[in-house]
Amino acid sequence: MSKIEVDTIDTVTGTSELTIGGTNATSITLGSGASFSNVSGQNYPAFMVTRKTIQSISDATETKIQFNNEIIDTDSAFDSATNYRFTVPSGKGGSYLIYIQLTADMGAVSNYSNGYIRIKKNGTEPLTGNQFDARSGTLGRYNTLYSSALTSLSATDYLEGYAFLDDTSGSPSIFGQNDNIPYTCMYAIRIGA
């Protein structure tokens, strides 16, 4: 094994990318006590999206939440216009921490019967969820559901938020942003490879 001792390694003039290792390198090991500094992007991709306006939905029917307002989208990986989903970019698979929240608007006091929120992977696989059932009592007009998950995702996997709201009057909706407060939101961050 050879040893090189230098104070600075830099690129040649006119280039901006420095590559350490090549076709034979599979890992880089830092010595005991060494650490990275001035490094960004370890926890990317990351996103936070909200529902900007009220989304009316069918009563007692599972419905995709249309997150239509991007607060953060580091890798332009969240589609907030068509599919309302986050798709893991190529080379960005790993462990992700995910959170979802919605505020249900039932139109009038005591209309909330029951409901749930879910984060789904690839459209069908529920990763997590939260349910609140008020059929044995009465609740107000607005109720907030939230859930989180820690999961492993691969490139091209996608995440979506779903809601089910049962309204005694039959006209539920998902509350949008009000006074810049994101009452309905979803976010995720990659926390490791």
Protein backbone atom coordinates (compact mmCIF):
# COMPACT_ATOMS: atom_id res chain seq x y z
CA MET A 1 0.00 0.00 0.00
CA SER A 2 1.29 3.47 -0.95
CA LYS A 3 0.90 6.66 1.05
CA ILE A 4 0.55 10.21 -0.30
CA GLU A 5 0.89 13.17 2.06
CA VAL A 6 -0.40 16.56 0.82
CA ASP A 7 -2.20 19.57 2.31
CA THR A 8 -4.66 20.20 -0.54
CA ILE A 9 -6.12 18.21 -3.44
CA ASP A 10 -7.84 20.35 -6.06
CA THR A 11 -9.12 20.09 -9.62
CA VAL A 12 -7.26 21.46 -12.60
CA THR A 13 -8.24 24.90 -13.88
CA GLY A 14 -11.42 24.80 -15.94
CA THR A 15 -13.05 21.82 -14.19
CA SER A 16 -15.27 21.74 -11.11
CA GLU A 17 -15.67 18.04 -10.29
CA LEU A 18 -13.07 16.12 -8.30
CA THR A 19 -13.21 12.31 -8.37
CA ILE A 20 -11.47 10.22 -5.74
CA GLY A 21 -11.22 6.57 -6.66
CA GLY A 22 -12.02 4.98 -9.97
CA THR A 23 -13.10 1.65 -11.37
CA ASN A 24 -11.37 -0.29 -8.57
CA ALA A 25 -12.60 1.78 -5.60
CA THR A 26 -15.70 0.52 -3.78
CA SER A 27 -15.38 2.61 -0.60
CA ILE A 28 -13.44 5.47 0.95
CA THR A 29 -12.39 5.16 4.59
CA LEU A 30 -11.63 8.13 6.81
CA GLY A 31 -8.98 7.72 9.48
CA SER A 32 -9.90 7.63 13.18
CA GLY A 33 -11.07 11.07 14.32
CA ALA A 34 -11.38 12.46 10.76
CA SER A 35 -14.59 14.09 9.56
CA PHE A 36 -16.06 15.81 6.52
CA SER A 37 -16.57 19.57 6.50
CA ASN A 38 -18.22 21.91 4.00
CA VAL A 39 -20.13 18.96 2.54
CA SER A 40 -23.74 19.40 1.46
CA GLY A 41 -26.30 17.01 0.13
CA GLN A 42 -25.89 14.03 2.44
CA ASN A 43 -29.58 14.14 3.33
CA TYR A 44 -30.91 14.70 -0.16
CA PRO A 45 -33.35 14.29 -1.65
CA ALA A 46 -35.74 16.04 0.68
CA PHE A 47 -39.15 17.57 0.08
CA MET A 48 -42.01 19.30 1.85
CA VAL A 49 -45.32 19.84 0.09
CA THR A 50 -48.66 21.22 1.19
CA ARG A 51 -52.22 21.39 -0.01
CA LYS A 52 -52.63 25.05 -0.97
CA THR A 53 -56.43 25.15 -1.19
CA ILE A 54 -59.35 23.01 -0.02
CA GLN A 55 -59.67 19.65 -1.82
CA SER A 56 -63.24 18.35 -1.93
CA ILE A 57 -63.42 14.55 -1.91
CA SER A 58 -66.08 11.86 -2.15
CA ASP A 59 -67.57 10.76 1.15
CA ALA A 60 -66.24 7.51 2.65
CA THR A 61 -63.92 6.90 -0.33
CA GLU A 62 -60.14 6.55 -0.18
CA THR A 63 -58.73 9.46 -2.20
CA LYS A 64 -55.24 10.60 -3.13
CA ILE A 65 -54.30 13.89 -1.48
CA GLN A 66 -53.34 16.37 -4.17
CA PHE A 67 -50.33 18.13 -2.66
CA ASN A 68 -50.08 21.08 -5.03
CA ASN A 69 -47.62 23.43 -3.33
CA GLU A 70 -43.90 22.69 -3.04
CA ILE A 71 -42.08 24.31 -0.13
CA ILE A 72 -38.85 22.31 -0.59
CA ASP A 73 -37.98 19.91 -3.40
CA THR A 74 -34.20 19.52 -3.52
CA ASP A 75 -34.09 17.15 -6.50
CA SER A 76 -37.25 18.23 -8.36
CA ALA A 77 -38.59 14.75 -7.58
CA PHE A 78 -42.09 15.68 -6.39
CA ASP A 79 -44.80 16.03 -9.03
CA SER A 80 -47.19 18.66 -7.64
CA ALA A 81 -49.15 19.15 -10.86
CA THR A 82 -50.22 15.76 -12.23
CA ASN A 83 -49.53 12.66 -10.11
CA TYR A 84 -48.98 14.33 -6.71
CA ARG A 85 -46.18 11.97 -5.77
CA PHE A 86 -42.52 11.82 -4.84
CA THR A 87 -40.40 9.50 -7.01
CA VAL A 88 -36.98 8.42 -5.75
CA PRO A 89 -34.36 9.69 -8.23
CA SER A 90 -31.76 7.41 -9.79
CA GLY A 91 -28.89 6.78 -7.38
CA LYS A 92 -30.86 8.13 -4.37
CA GLY A 93 -32.21 4.92 -2.88
CA GLY A 94 -31.80 4.43 0.86
CA SER A 95 -33.53 4.99 4.18
CA TYR A 96 -36.16 7.72 4.27
CA LEU A 97 -38.04 9.37 7.12
CA ILE A 98 -41.55 10.34 5.97
CA TYR A 99 -44.33 12.37 7.62
CA ILE A 100 -47.88 13.17 6.55
CA GLN A 101 -50.63 15.28 8.07
CA LEU A 102 -54.08 16.42 7.06
CA THR A 103 -56.82 18.47 8.59
CA ALA A 104 -60.30 17.27 7.70
CA ASP A 105 -63.01 19.88 7.13
CA MET A 106 -66.46 18.38 7.56
CA GLY A 107 -68.40 21.53 6.75
CA ALA A 108 -70.23 21.83 10.08
CA VAL A 109 -69.84 21.03 13.77
CA SER A 110 -70.31 17.34 14.71
CA ASN A 111 -70.22 16.02 11.11
CA TYR A 112 -67.04 13.96 11.57
CA SER A 113 -67.77 10.23 11.74
CA ASN A 114 -64.43 8.54 11.06
CA GLY A 115 -61.41 8.73 8.82
CA TYR A 116 -57.82 7.75 8.18
CA ILE A 117 -54.64 8.90 6.51
CA ARG A 118 -52.03 6.69 4.82
CA ILE A 119 -48.66 6.91 3.13
CA LYS A 120 -48.46 4.41 0.28
CA LYS A 121 -45.44 3.11 -1.60
CA ASN A 122 -45.90 2.50 -5.34
CA GLY A 123 -49.63 3.12 -5.15
CA THR A 124 -50.65 0.02 -3.25
CA GLU A 125 -48.36 -0.79 -0.33
CA PRO A 126 -49.40 1.08 2.84
CA LEU A 127 -46.30 2.08 4.81
CA THR A 128 -48.11 3.70 7.72
CA GLY A 129 -51.42 5.19 8.69
CA ASN A 130 -53.53 6.74 11.42
CA GLN A 131 -57.26 6.35 12.00
CA PHE A 132 -59.66 8.32 14.17
CA ASP A 133 -63.17 6.99 14.76
CA ALA A 134 -65.82 9.19 16.36
CA ARG A 135 -68.93 7.15 15.64
CA SER A 136 -69.65 6.60 19.34
CA GLY A 137 -69.45 10.33 20.11
CA THR A 138 -69.48 13.71 18.47
CA LEU A 139 -66.56 15.74 17.23
CA GLY A 140 -66.21 19.16 15.75
CA ARG A 141 -65.87 20.34 12.18
CA TYR A 142 -62.07 20.08 11.92
CA ASN A 143 -59.95 17.07 12.87
CA THR A 144 -56.24 16.48 12.25
CA LEU A 145 -54.73 13.10 11.36
CA TYR A 146 -51.00 12.45 11.05
CA SER A 147 -48.58 9.59 10.65
CA SER A 148 -44.90 8.90 9.99
CA ALA A 149 -42.72 6.08 8.72
CA LEU A 150 -39.09 5.08 8.39
CA THR A 151 -38.60 2.91 5.32
CA SER A 152 -36.16 1.75 2.69
CA LEU A 153 -36.79 3.00 -0.84
CA SER A 154 -35.13 2.22 -4.17
CA ALA A 155 -34.81 4.33 -7.32
CA THR A 156 -38.20 4.71 -9.08
CA ASP A 157 -40.20 3.84 -5.93
CA TYR A 158 -42.83 6.50 -5.31
CA LEU A 159 -44.74 7.83 -2.32
CA GLU A 160 -48.28 9.21 -2.18
CA GLY A 161 -50.67 10.34 0.54
CA TYR A 162 -54.23 9.03 0.81
CA ALA A 163 -57.21 10.02 2.93
CA PHE A 164 -60.57 8.47 3.81
CA LEU A 165 -63.15 10.76 5.42
CA ASP A 166 -66.67 9.74 6.46
CA ASP A 167 -68.84 12.82 6.92
CA THR A 168 -72.36 12.50 8.35
CA SER A 169 -73.52 15.15 5.85
CA GLY A 170 -71.67 13.45 2.98
CA SER A 171 -69.48 16.40 1.96
CA PRO A 172 -65.96 16.11 3.41
CA SER A 173 -62.93 18.06 2.27
CA ILE A 174 -59.23 18.29 2.99
CA PHE A 175 -58.31 21.62 4.52
CA GLY A 176 -55.79 23.70 2.61
CA GLN A 177 -53.28 26.26 3.73
CA ASN A 178 -54.62 29.17 5.80
CA ASP A 179 -52.63 32.20 7.00
CA ASN A 180 -49.53 30.42 5.60
CA ILE A 181 -50.04 27.50 8.01
CA PRO A 182 -49.67 24.13 6.23
CA TYR A 183 -52.63 22.26 7.75
CA THR A 184 -52.23 19.46 5.19
CA CYS A 185 -48.64 18.55 4.35
CA MET A 186 -46.20 15.75 3.59
CA TYR A 187 -42.44 15.65 3.81
CA ALA A 188 -39.58 13.20 3.57
CA ILE A 189 -35.82 13.22 3.86
CA ARG A 190 -33.21 10.63 2.95
CA ILE A 191 -31.30 9.81 6.10
CA GLY A 192 -28.89 7.18 4.80
CA ALA A 193 -27.85 5.05 1.87
